[in-house]
């Protein structure tokens, strides 16, 4: 069974070589889907494939990461299609930390859409502990499921 990890990667994360290390340690993902600004795309490609050679990787570039909705549905559909291509995903962990506010909105719409498609989705956000410098992931409650 496959574990899919989906996350936006902004400028800060692309500069850190170990940006996904703690997510890999905690979630043991087999597949990685990231979306990032199209001008950071080439920085990411080599780094991710080199660091995670055993992982299925999809990178979805977003042309206007800060504003506008002309590419909003395109990137959302690219992310959905990337998930749909993965055979038998057991868990889909979606991290809404990082990137821009627009990217966070896309992530939240992705969570909702994938849950409607009956995928097992865990929405998380990460924050860095000031004491230990480690990333602490917190699962966001599925309000729709809990309200039923």
N, C-alpha and C. Protein backbone atom coordinates (compact mmCIF):
# COMPACT_ATOMS: atom_id res chain seq x y z
N UNK A 1 0.84 -1.19 0.00
CA UNK A 1 0.00 0.00 0.00
C UNK A 1 0.88 1.25 0.00
N UNK A 2 0.42 2.24 -0.68
CA UNK A 2 1.20 3.46 -0.88
C UNK A 2 0.77 4.55 0.10
N UNK A 3 1.73 5.32 0.54
CA UNK A 3 1.47 6.49 1.37
C UNK A 3 1.94 7.70 0.57
N UNK A 4 1.02 8.62 0.35
CA UNK A 4 1.28 9.79 -0.48
C UNK A 4 1.40 11.01 0.42
N UNK A 5 2.43 11.79 0.19
CA UNK A 5 2.63 13.04 0.93
C UNK A 5 2.57 14.18 -0.07
N UNK A 6 1.66 15.13 0.19
CA UNK A 6 1.47 16.27 -0.71
C UNK A 6 1.77 17.54 0.08
N UNK A 7 2.58 18.42 -0.52
CA UNK A 7 2.95 19.64 0.18
C UNK A 7 3.31 20.75 -0.80
N UNK A 8 2.99 21.98 -0.45
CA UNK A 8 3.56 23.09 -1.22
C UNK A 8 4.99 23.30 -0.75
N UNK A 9 5.85 23.74 -1.64
CA UNK A 9 7.21 24.09 -1.25
C UNK A 9 7.49 25.50 -1.75
N UNK A 10 7.72 26.38 -0.79
CA UNK A 10 8.04 27.77 -1.12
C UNK A 10 9.53 27.99 -1.20
N UNK A 11 9.93 29.23 -1.31
CA UNK A 11 11.33 29.58 -1.48
C UNK A 11 12.19 29.10 -0.30
N UNK A 12 11.69 29.27 0.92
CA UNK A 12 12.47 28.85 2.11
C UNK A 12 12.73 27.35 2.10
N UNK A 13 11.70 26.57 1.82
CA UNK A 13 11.83 25.11 1.84
C UNK A 13 12.75 24.60 0.73
N UNK A 14 12.72 25.23 -0.42
CA UNK A 14 13.58 24.76 -1.51
C UNK A 14 15.05 25.02 -1.22
N UNK A 15 15.32 25.97 -0.34
CA UNK A 15 16.72 26.26 0.02
C UNK A 15 17.25 25.30 1.08
N UNK A 16 16.37 24.60 1.79
CA UNK A 16 16.79 23.65 2.82
C UNK A 16 16.90 22.27 2.21
N UNK A 17 18.07 21.66 2.34
CA UNK A 17 18.26 20.33 1.77
C UNK A 17 17.45 19.27 2.49
N UNK A 18 17.15 19.49 3.76
CA UNK A 18 16.43 18.48 4.54
C UNK A 18 14.98 18.88 4.81
N UNK A 19 14.40 19.67 3.93
CA UNK A 19 13.04 20.19 4.15
C UNK A 19 12.00 19.09 4.33
N UNK A 20 12.19 17.96 3.70
CA UNK A 20 11.20 16.87 3.77
C UNK A 20 11.64 15.70 4.65
N UNK A 21 12.81 15.81 5.26
CA UNK A 21 13.36 14.70 6.04
C UNK A 21 12.44 14.28 7.17
N UNK A 22 11.95 15.24 7.94
CA UNK A 22 11.11 14.88 9.09
C UNK A 22 9.75 14.35 8.64
N UNK A 23 9.24 14.84 7.53
CA UNK A 23 7.98 14.28 7.00
C UNK A 23 8.19 12.83 6.58
N UNK A 24 9.32 12.54 5.95
CA UNK A 24 9.62 11.16 5.55
C UNK A 24 9.76 10.27 6.77
N UNK A 25 10.43 10.76 7.81
CA UNK A 25 10.61 9.97 9.03
C UNK A 25 9.29 9.69 9.73
N UNK A 26 8.40 10.67 9.74
CA UNK A 26 7.14 10.49 10.45
C UNK A 26 6.11 9.71 9.64
N UNK A 27 6.00 10.00 8.35
CA UNK A 27 4.91 9.43 7.56
C UNK A 27 5.34 8.27 6.66
N UNK A 28 6.63 8.08 6.45
CA UNK A 28 7.16 6.99 5.62
C UNK A 28 6.48 6.95 4.25
N UNK A 29 6.44 8.12 3.59
CA UNK A 29 5.73 8.18 2.33
C UNK A 29 6.48 7.43 1.23
N UNK A 30 5.70 6.85 0.32
CA UNK A 30 6.24 6.15 -0.85
C UNK A 30 6.13 7.02 -2.09
N UNK A 31 5.24 8.02 -2.03
CA UNK A 31 5.01 8.92 -3.15
C UNK A 31 4.97 10.35 -2.63
N UNK A 32 5.51 11.24 -3.42
CA UNK A 32 5.61 12.65 -3.04
C UNK A 32 5.05 13.51 -4.16
N UNK A 33 4.12 14.38 -3.81
CA UNK A 33 3.58 15.34 -4.77
C UNK A 33 3.82 16.73 -4.18
N UNK A 34 4.57 17.54 -4.90
CA UNK A 34 4.82 18.90 -4.44
C UNK A 34 4.35 19.87 -5.50
N UNK A 35 3.94 21.04 -5.03
CA UNK A 35 3.74 22.11 -5.99
C UNK A 35 4.45 23.34 -5.49
N UNK A 36 5.00 24.05 -6.46
CA UNK A 36 5.89 25.15 -6.17
C UNK A 36 5.83 26.17 -7.29
N UNK A 37 6.37 27.31 -7.05
CA UNK A 37 6.46 28.34 -8.07
C UNK A 37 7.25 27.81 -9.26
N UNK A 38 6.79 28.13 -10.45
CA UNK A 38 7.47 27.62 -11.65
C UNK A 38 8.92 28.09 -11.74
N UNK A 39 9.26 29.22 -11.12
CA UNK A 39 10.66 29.66 -11.17
C UNK A 39 11.54 28.88 -10.19
N UNK A 40 10.96 28.11 -9.27
CA UNK A 40 11.74 27.26 -8.36
C UNK A 40 11.77 25.80 -8.84
N UNK A 41 11.02 25.51 -9.87
CA UNK A 41 10.85 24.15 -10.36
C UNK A 41 12.19 23.45 -10.60
N UNK A 42 13.07 24.07 -11.36
CA UNK A 42 14.32 23.41 -11.73
C UNK A 42 15.26 23.24 -10.54
N UNK A 43 15.17 24.13 -9.55
CA UNK A 43 15.94 23.96 -8.32
C UNK A 43 15.52 22.68 -7.61
N UNK A 44 14.22 22.40 -7.64
CA UNK A 44 13.67 21.25 -6.93
C UNK A 44 13.93 19.93 -7.61
N UNK A 45 13.80 19.89 -8.91
CA UNK A 45 13.79 18.63 -9.64
C UNK A 45 14.98 17.75 -9.29
N UNK A 46 16.18 18.24 -9.52
CA UNK A 46 17.37 17.44 -9.27
C UNK A 46 17.51 17.06 -7.81
N UNK A 47 17.25 18.02 -6.93
CA UNK A 47 17.39 17.79 -5.50
C UNK A 47 16.46 16.69 -5.00
N UNK A 48 15.20 16.73 -5.39
CA UNK A 48 14.24 15.73 -4.89
C UNK A 48 14.53 14.33 -5.43
N UNK A 49 14.81 14.22 -6.70
CA UNK A 49 15.08 12.90 -7.28
C UNK A 49 16.37 12.31 -6.74
N UNK A 50 17.33 13.16 -6.42
CA UNK A 50 18.58 12.70 -5.83
C UNK A 50 18.38 12.23 -4.39
N UNK A 51 17.62 13.00 -3.62
CA UNK A 51 17.41 12.67 -2.20
C UNK A 51 16.45 11.52 -1.97
N UNK A 52 15.48 11.35 -2.86
CA UNK A 52 14.45 10.33 -2.67
C UNK A 52 14.33 9.44 -3.91
N UNK A 53 15.39 8.68 -4.22
CA UNK A 53 15.39 7.90 -5.47
C UNK A 53 14.37 6.76 -5.49
N UNK A 54 13.93 6.30 -4.35
CA UNK A 54 12.97 5.20 -4.28
C UNK A 54 11.52 5.69 -4.23
N UNK A 55 11.33 6.99 -4.24
CA UNK A 55 10.01 7.59 -4.08
C UNK A 55 9.46 8.03 -5.43
N UNK A 56 8.17 7.77 -5.65
CA UNK A 56 7.50 8.32 -6.83
C UNK A 56 7.29 9.80 -6.60
N UNK A 57 7.78 10.64 -7.51
CA UNK A 57 7.73 12.09 -7.31
C UNK A 57 7.00 12.76 -8.46
N UNK A 58 6.06 13.64 -8.10
CA UNK A 58 5.40 14.51 -9.07
C UNK A 58 5.60 15.94 -8.60
N UNK A 59 5.99 16.81 -9.51
CA UNK A 59 6.16 18.22 -9.18
C UNK A 59 5.23 19.02 -10.09
N UNK A 60 4.35 19.78 -9.48
CA UNK A 60 3.38 20.59 -10.22
C UNK A 60 3.77 22.06 -10.07
N UNK A 61 4.23 22.69 -11.14
CA UNK A 61 4.60 24.12 -11.04
C UNK A 61 3.37 25.01 -11.11
N UNK A 62 3.38 26.05 -10.30
CA UNK A 62 2.30 27.04 -10.31
C UNK A 62 2.88 28.35 -10.82
N UNK A 63 2.27 28.92 -11.85
CA UNK A 63 2.84 30.09 -12.50
C UNK A 63 2.64 31.37 -11.70
N UNK A 64 1.53 31.49 -11.01
CA UNK A 64 1.23 32.71 -10.24
C UNK A 64 0.95 32.32 -8.79
N UNK A 65 1.99 32.07 -7.98
CA UNK A 65 1.75 31.55 -6.63
C UNK A 65 1.17 32.54 -5.63
N UNK A 66 1.20 33.84 -5.94
CA UNK A 66 0.78 34.82 -4.95
C UNK A 66 -0.64 35.30 -5.11
N UNK A 67 -1.12 35.42 -6.34
CA UNK A 67 -2.45 36.00 -6.53
C UNK A 67 -3.04 35.55 -7.85
N UNK A 68 -4.30 35.92 -8.03
CA UNK A 68 -4.99 35.59 -9.27
C UNK A 68 -5.56 34.20 -9.25
N UNK A 69 -6.62 34.00 -10.02
CA UNK A 69 -7.22 32.67 -10.05
C UNK A 69 -7.17 32.03 -11.43
N UNK A 70 -6.41 32.61 -12.35
CA UNK A 70 -6.36 32.06 -13.71
C UNK A 70 -5.78 30.65 -13.74
N UNK A 71 -4.88 30.32 -12.82
CA UNK A 71 -4.28 28.98 -12.81
C UNK A 71 -4.76 28.12 -11.63
N UNK A 72 -5.69 28.65 -10.84
CA UNK A 72 -6.13 27.97 -9.62
C UNK A 72 -6.69 26.58 -9.92
N UNK A 73 -7.65 26.51 -10.82
CA UNK A 73 -8.28 25.22 -11.13
C UNK A 73 -7.31 24.30 -11.86
N UNK A 74 -6.43 24.87 -12.68
CA UNK A 74 -5.45 24.04 -13.39
C UNK A 74 -4.54 23.30 -12.40
N UNK A 75 -4.01 24.05 -11.42
CA UNK A 75 -3.10 23.40 -10.47
C UNK A 75 -3.86 22.42 -9.58
N UNK A 76 -5.08 22.77 -9.18
CA UNK A 76 -5.89 21.85 -8.38
C UNK A 76 -6.13 20.55 -9.16
N UNK A 77 -6.47 20.66 -10.42
CA UNK A 77 -6.70 19.48 -11.26
C UNK A 77 -5.43 18.68 -11.48
N UNK A 78 -4.28 19.35 -11.63
CA UNK A 78 -3.00 18.64 -11.76
C UNK A 78 -2.71 17.81 -10.51
N UNK A 79 -2.97 18.39 -9.35
CA UNK A 79 -2.74 17.68 -8.08
C UNK A 79 -3.67 16.48 -7.96
N UNK A 80 -4.93 16.66 -8.31
CA UNK A 80 -5.90 15.55 -8.25
C UNK A 80 -5.47 14.43 -9.21
N UNK A 81 -5.07 14.80 -10.42
CA UNK A 81 -4.64 13.81 -11.40
C UNK A 81 -3.39 13.07 -10.93
N UNK A 82 -2.48 13.78 -10.28
CA UNK A 82 -1.27 13.14 -9.76
C UNK A 82 -1.63 12.08 -8.72
N UNK A 83 -2.62 12.37 -7.88
CA UNK A 83 -3.08 11.40 -6.88
C UNK A 83 -3.78 10.23 -7.57
N UNK A 84 -4.64 10.53 -8.51
CA UNK A 84 -5.40 9.48 -9.20
C UNK A 84 -4.50 8.49 -9.95
N UNK A 85 -3.30 8.91 -10.34
CA UNK A 85 -2.37 8.03 -11.05
C UNK A 85 -1.69 7.02 -10.13
N UNK A 86 -1.73 7.28 -8.83
CA UNK A 86 -1.04 6.40 -7.87
C UNK A 86 -1.94 5.20 -7.57
N UNK A 87 -1.39 4.03 -7.73
CA UNK A 87 -2.15 2.81 -7.54
C UNK A 87 -2.30 2.47 -6.05
N UNK A 88 -3.53 2.27 -5.62
CA UNK A 88 -3.87 1.85 -4.25
C UNK A 88 -3.27 2.72 -3.14
N UNK A 89 -3.51 4.03 -3.15
CA UNK A 89 -2.98 4.81 -2.02
C UNK A 89 -3.73 4.48 -0.73
N UNK A 90 -2.98 4.05 0.28
CA UNK A 90 -3.58 3.72 1.58
C UNK A 90 -3.91 5.00 2.34
N UNK A 91 -2.94 5.88 2.43
CA UNK A 91 -3.10 7.15 3.13
C UNK A 91 -2.58 8.27 2.25
N UNK A 92 -3.26 9.41 2.35
CA UNK A 92 -2.79 10.62 1.69
C UNK A 92 -2.63 11.67 2.77
N UNK A 93 -1.39 12.07 3.01
CA UNK A 93 -1.10 13.08 4.00
C UNK A 93 -0.88 14.39 3.25
N UNK A 94 -1.67 15.39 3.58
CA UNK A 94 -1.59 16.67 2.89
C UNK A 94 -1.16 17.74 3.90
N UNK A 95 -0.01 18.33 3.63
CA UNK A 95 0.55 19.36 4.51
C UNK A 95 0.18 20.73 3.94
N UNK A 96 -0.46 21.54 4.75
CA UNK A 96 -0.84 22.88 4.29
C UNK A 96 0.14 23.96 4.73
N UNK A 97 1.25 23.57 5.34
CA UNK A 97 2.26 24.55 5.76
C UNK A 97 3.18 24.88 4.59
N UNK A 98 3.62 26.11 4.55
CA UNK A 98 4.57 26.52 3.54
C UNK A 98 3.89 27.10 2.32
N UNK A 99 4.70 27.68 1.48
CA UNK A 99 4.16 28.31 0.29
C UNK A 99 3.44 29.60 0.61
N UNK A 100 2.54 29.99 -0.26
CA UNK A 100 1.82 31.25 -0.11
C UNK A 100 0.39 30.98 0.37
N UNK A 101 -0.32 32.04 0.67
CA UNK A 101 -1.72 31.89 1.09
C UNK A 101 -2.54 31.25 -0.02
N UNK A 102 -2.27 31.61 -1.26
CA UNK A 102 -2.98 31.00 -2.39
C UNK A 102 -2.73 29.49 -2.42
N UNK A 103 -1.49 29.09 -2.18
CA UNK A 103 -1.15 27.67 -2.18
C UNK A 103 -1.87 26.95 -1.03
N UNK A 104 -1.98 27.61 0.11
CA UNK A 104 -2.71 27.01 1.24
C UNK A 104 -4.18 26.83 0.90
N UNK A 105 -4.76 27.79 0.20
CA UNK A 105 -6.17 27.66 -0.22
C UNK A 105 -6.35 26.48 -1.17
N UNK A 106 -5.41 26.33 -2.10
CA UNK A 106 -5.47 25.20 -3.04
C UNK A 106 -5.39 23.89 -2.27
N UNK A 107 -4.51 23.82 -1.30
CA UNK A 107 -4.35 22.61 -0.49
C UNK A 107 -5.65 22.27 0.22
N UNK A 108 -6.30 23.25 0.80
CA UNK A 108 -7.56 22.99 1.52
C UNK A 108 -8.64 22.50 0.56
N UNK A 109 -8.70 23.07 -0.64
CA UNK A 109 -9.65 22.58 -1.64
C UNK A 109 -9.29 21.17 -2.09
N UNK A 110 -8.00 20.88 -2.16
CA UNK A 110 -7.56 19.53 -2.51
C UNK A 110 -8.00 18.53 -1.45
N UNK A 111 -7.84 18.88 -0.18
CA UNK A 111 -8.29 17.98 0.91
C UNK A 111 -9.77 17.66 0.75
N UNK A 112 -10.56 18.68 0.56
CA UNK A 112 -12.01 18.50 0.43
C UNK A 112 -12.33 17.61 -0.78
N UNK A 113 -11.72 17.90 -1.91
CA UNK A 113 -12.02 17.16 -3.14
C UNK A 113 -11.62 15.70 -3.02
N UNK A 114 -10.44 15.44 -2.47
CA UNK A 114 -9.99 14.04 -2.34
C UNK A 114 -10.85 13.28 -1.34
N UNK A 115 -11.31 13.94 -0.30
CA UNK A 115 -12.22 13.27 0.64
C UNK A 115 -13.55 12.94 -0.04
N UNK A 116 -14.02 13.82 -0.91
CA UNK A 116 -15.25 13.54 -1.65
C UNK A 116 -15.07 12.34 -2.58
N UNK A 117 -13.84 12.13 -3.04
CA UNK A 117 -13.54 10.98 -3.89
C UNK A 117 -13.27 9.72 -3.07
N UNK A 118 -13.46 9.83 -1.75
CA UNK A 118 -13.34 8.69 -0.82
C UNK A 118 -11.90 8.23 -0.56
N UNK A 119 -10.94 9.10 -0.77
CA UNK A 119 -9.58 8.79 -0.35
C UNK A 119 -9.46 8.99 1.15
N UNK A 120 -8.55 8.26 1.78
CA UNK A 120 -8.26 8.44 3.19
C UNK A 120 -7.25 9.58 3.34
N UNK A 121 -7.75 10.76 3.66
CA UNK A 121 -6.93 11.98 3.69
C UNK A 121 -6.69 12.42 5.12
N UNK A 122 -5.42 12.71 5.43
CA UNK A 122 -5.05 13.33 6.69
C UNK A 122 -4.46 14.69 6.36
N UNK A 123 -5.10 15.73 6.85
CA UNK A 123 -4.63 17.09 6.63
C UNK A 123 -3.78 17.48 7.83
N UNK A 124 -2.55 17.88 7.58
CA UNK A 124 -1.64 18.26 8.67
C UNK A 124 -1.04 19.64 8.38
N UNK A 125 -0.53 20.24 9.43
CA UNK A 125 0.33 21.40 9.26
C UNK A 125 1.53 21.19 10.16
N UNK A 126 2.65 21.76 9.77
CA UNK A 126 3.87 21.60 10.54
C UNK A 126 4.35 22.93 11.07
N UNK A 127 4.92 22.88 12.25
CA UNK A 127 5.56 24.07 12.82
C UNK A 127 6.87 23.64 13.44
N UNK A 128 7.81 24.54 13.48
CA UNK A 128 9.14 24.22 13.99
C UNK A 128 9.21 24.59 15.47
N UNK A 129 9.63 23.63 16.29
CA UNK A 129 9.81 23.87 17.72
C UNK A 129 11.01 24.80 17.92
N UNK A 130 10.80 25.86 18.68
CA UNK A 130 11.90 26.78 18.95
C UNK A 130 12.94 26.17 19.88
N UNK A 131 12.50 25.21 20.69
CA UNK A 131 13.44 24.57 21.63
C UNK A 131 14.31 23.53 20.94
N UNK A 132 13.70 22.67 20.13
CA UNK A 132 14.43 21.55 19.57
C UNK A 132 14.75 21.70 18.08
N UNK A 133 14.13 22.67 17.42
CA UNK A 133 14.29 22.91 15.98
C UNK A 133 13.73 21.76 15.13
N UNK A 134 12.92 20.90 15.72
CA UNK A 134 12.29 19.83 14.95
C UNK A 134 10.91 20.27 14.47
N UNK A 135 10.44 19.64 13.42
CA UNK A 135 9.11 19.95 12.90
C UNK A 135 8.08 19.13 13.66
N UNK A 136 7.07 19.80 14.15
CA UNK A 136 5.97 19.13 14.85
C UNK A 136 4.76 19.18 13.93
N UNK A 137 4.26 18.00 13.54
CA UNK A 137 3.09 17.94 12.67
C UNK A 137 1.83 17.78 13.52
N UNK A 138 0.82 18.54 13.18
CA UNK A 138 -0.47 18.48 13.86
C UNK A 138 -1.53 18.13 12.83
N UNK A 139 -2.37 17.13 13.15
CA UNK A 139 -3.44 16.76 12.23
C UNK A 139 -4.63 17.69 12.43
N UNK A 140 -5.15 18.21 11.34
CA UNK A 140 -6.32 19.08 11.36
C UNK A 140 -7.56 18.20 11.40
N UNK A 141 -8.48 18.44 12.34
CA UNK A 141 -9.69 17.60 12.40
C UNK A 141 -10.51 17.72 11.11
N UNK A 142 -11.09 16.63 10.70
CA UNK A 142 -11.99 16.62 9.53
C UNK A 142 -13.36 17.06 10.05
N UNK A 143 -13.63 18.33 9.98
CA UNK A 143 -14.86 18.91 10.55
C UNK A 143 -16.11 18.31 9.91
N UNK A 144 -16.05 18.09 8.61
CA UNK A 144 -17.22 17.54 7.92
C UNK A 144 -17.56 16.15 8.45
N UNK A 145 -16.56 15.31 8.64
CA UNK A 145 -16.79 13.96 9.13
C UNK A 145 -17.25 13.98 10.60
N UNK A 146 -16.65 14.86 11.40
CA UNK A 146 -16.99 14.92 12.83
C UNK A 146 -18.38 15.51 13.08
N UNK A 147 -18.87 16.32 12.15
CA UNK A 147 -20.18 16.94 12.35
C UNK A 147 -21.34 16.03 11.95
N UNK A 148 -21.03 14.91 11.30
CA UNK A 148 -22.10 13.98 10.87
C UNK A 148 -22.54 13.08 11.99
